[in-house]
Protein backbone atom coordinates (compact mmCIF):
# COMPACT_ATOMS: atom_id res chain seq x y z
CA MET A 1 5.15 10.59 -9.18
CA LYS A 2 7.51 10.51 -5.73
CA LYS A 3 5.12 12.80 -4.55
CA ILE A 4 2.03 10.22 -5.27
CA ILE A 5 4.02 7.28 -3.82
CA THR A 6 5.15 9.40 -0.65
CA LEU A 7 1.35 10.35 -0.10
CA LEU A 8 0.20 7.01 -0.63
CA LEU A 9 2.76 5.84 1.89
CA VAL A 10 1.76 8.26 4.45
CA ALA A 11 -1.96 7.27 3.89
CA ALA A 12 -0.72 3.69 4.45
CA LEU A 13 1.14 4.47 7.40
CA GLY A 14 -1.72 6.42 8.81
CA VAL A 15 -4.26 3.43 8.34
CA SER A 16 -2.30 0.88 9.90
CA SER A 17 -1.11 2.75 13.26
CA PRO A 18 -3.27 2.90 15.81
CA VAL A 19 -1.06 5.41 17.47
CA PHE A 20 -2.58 8.02 15.50
CA LEU A 21 -5.99 7.12 16.87
CA THR A 22 -5.21 6.64 20.45
CA SER A 23 -4.16 10.08 21.02
CA CYS A 24 -7.50 11.30 20.25
CA SER A 25 -10.64 10.48 22.53
CA THR A 26 -13.07 10.85 20.03
CA THR A 27 -14.43 8.18 17.92
CA PRO A 28 -12.84 7.97 14.16
CA SER A 29 -15.09 9.06 11.51
CA THR A 30 -16.64 7.05 8.89
CA ASN A 31 -14.15 8.75 6.42
CA VAL A 32 -11.01 7.23 8.53
CA GLU A 33 -12.70 4.03 8.86
CA ALA A 34 -13.30 4.02 4.91
CA PHE A 35 -9.13 4.11 4.32
CA LYS A 36 -9.12 0.91 6.27
CA THR A 37 -10.86 -1.29 3.70
CA LEU A 38 -9.59 -3.92 1.47
CA SER A 39 -10.59 -1.72 -1.47
CA VAL A 40 -8.48 0.96 -0.55
CA ILE A 41 -5.50 -1.33 0.48
CA GLY A 42 -5.83 -3.28 -2.84
CA SER A 43 -6.03 -0.19 -4.79
CA THR A 44 -2.85 1.45 -2.98
CA ALA A 45 -0.75 -1.67 -3.72
CA LYS A 46 -1.95 -1.72 -7.31
CA SER A 47 -0.97 1.72 -7.68
CA GLY A 48 2.34 1.12 -6.21
CA MET A 49 2.98 -2.01 -8.68
CA ASP A 50 1.81 0.39 -11.75
CA ALA A 51 4.24 2.89 -10.32
CA ALA A 52 7.07 0.79 -10.52
CA THR A 53 6.20 -0.65 -13.90
CA GLN A 54 6.31 2.82 -15.27
CA LEU A 55 9.56 3.28 -13.81
CA LEU A 56 10.85 0.84 -15.69
CA LYS A 57 9.25 1.66 -18.80
CA GLN A 58 10.95 4.87 -18.38
CA GLY A 59 14.48 3.39 -17.77
CA SER A 60 14.42 4.66 -14.59
CA ILE A 61 15.05 1.39 -12.80
CA THR A 62 16.64 -2.04 -13.74
CA VAL A 63 14.90 -5.04 -14.30
CA ALA A 64 16.25 -6.49 -11.22
CA GLN A 65 14.91 -3.79 -9.32
CA TRP A 66 11.55 -4.39 -10.89
CA GLN A 67 11.52 -7.94 -10.58
CA LYS A 68 11.97 -7.63 -6.45
CA VAL A 69 9.19 -5.65 -6.42
CA ALA A 70 6.96 -7.76 -8.79
CA ASP A 71 8.04 -10.53 -6.48
CA PHE A 72 6.78 -9.10 -3.40
CA TYR A 73 3.43 -8.14 -4.92
CA ASP A 74 2.94 -11.49 -6.75
CA ASN A 75 4.22 -13.84 -3.89
CA LYS A 76 3.61 -11.73 -0.62
CA PHE A 77 0.90 -9.32 -0.96
CA GLN A 78 -1.49 -10.70 -3.71
CA PRO A 79 -1.68 -14.25 -1.96
CA SER A 80 -2.44 -12.73 1.55
CA PHE A 81 -4.49 -10.25 -0.22
CA ALA A 82 -6.82 -12.94 -1.93
CA LEU A 83 -7.04 -14.94 1.34
CA ALA A 84 -8.18 -11.71 2.99
CA LEU A 85 -10.72 -11.09 0.35
CA THR A 86 -11.94 -14.73 0.51
CA ALA A 87 -12.38 -14.51 4.39
CA ALA A 88 -14.41 -11.22 3.74
CA ASN A 89 -16.69 -13.40 1.39
CA SER A 90 -15.29 -11.01 -1.38
CA ASP A 91 -16.57 -7.76 -0.05
CA LEU A 92 -14.02 -4.89 -0.55
CA SER A 93 -15.98 -2.47 1.96
CA SER A 94 -14.56 -4.83 4.53
CA PRO A 95 -12.10 -3.82 7.06
CA ALA A 96 -8.50 -4.86 6.41
CA SER A 97 -6.63 -6.68 9.07
CA PRO A 98 -3.46 -5.20 10.55
CA ASP A 99 -1.37 -7.82 8.75
CA ILE A 100 -2.70 -7.03 5.32
CA THR A 101 -2.29 -3.60 5.90
CA ASN A 102 1.23 -3.95 6.81
CA LEU A 103 2.11 -5.87 4.09
CA ALA A 104 0.82 -2.99 1.87
CA ILE A 105 3.02 -0.47 3.95
CA GLN A 106 6.13 -2.61 3.07
CA PHE A 107 4.99 -2.86 -0.55
CA VAL A 108 4.38 0.81 -1.06
CA ALA A 109 7.80 1.55 0.77
CA LEU A 110 9.63 -0.41 -1.41
CA VAL A 111 8.21 1.08 -4.28
CA ALA A 112 9.01 4.45 -2.85
CA ALA A 113 12.62 3.51 -2.41
CA LEU A 114 13.11 3.18 -6.16
CA TYR A 115 12.54 6.98 -6.58
CA PRO A 116 15.46 9.30 -6.39
CA PRO A 117 15.47 11.90 -3.54
CA THR A 118 14.31 15.21 -4.81
CA PRO A 119 16.52 17.81 -5.00
CA LYS A 120 16.23 21.00 -2.81
């Protein structure tokens, strides 16, 4: 599960960071553009919330840790996402703004921090 969260975080970082795109002189493909949609950002955050809930059910995190994640999701991410969705006329294929993307990155990082380091 940690690998999944880590992949989500890496994907989210790649989505928001223009540095990855500015080092290349070619235009991003439509596949890259698809990762910047409200649909992907919303799904990524929901997957993070689901992962945190699963960790709580497994007894891997405390209720206080889960509550911190839930508070961020409910009070920071969801209102901003709802506003972005309203601005996009409920079109989930609309591009996500850097602000909502950054909130998703912060959220996924918060969830990823709940996982213990993988032993080598």
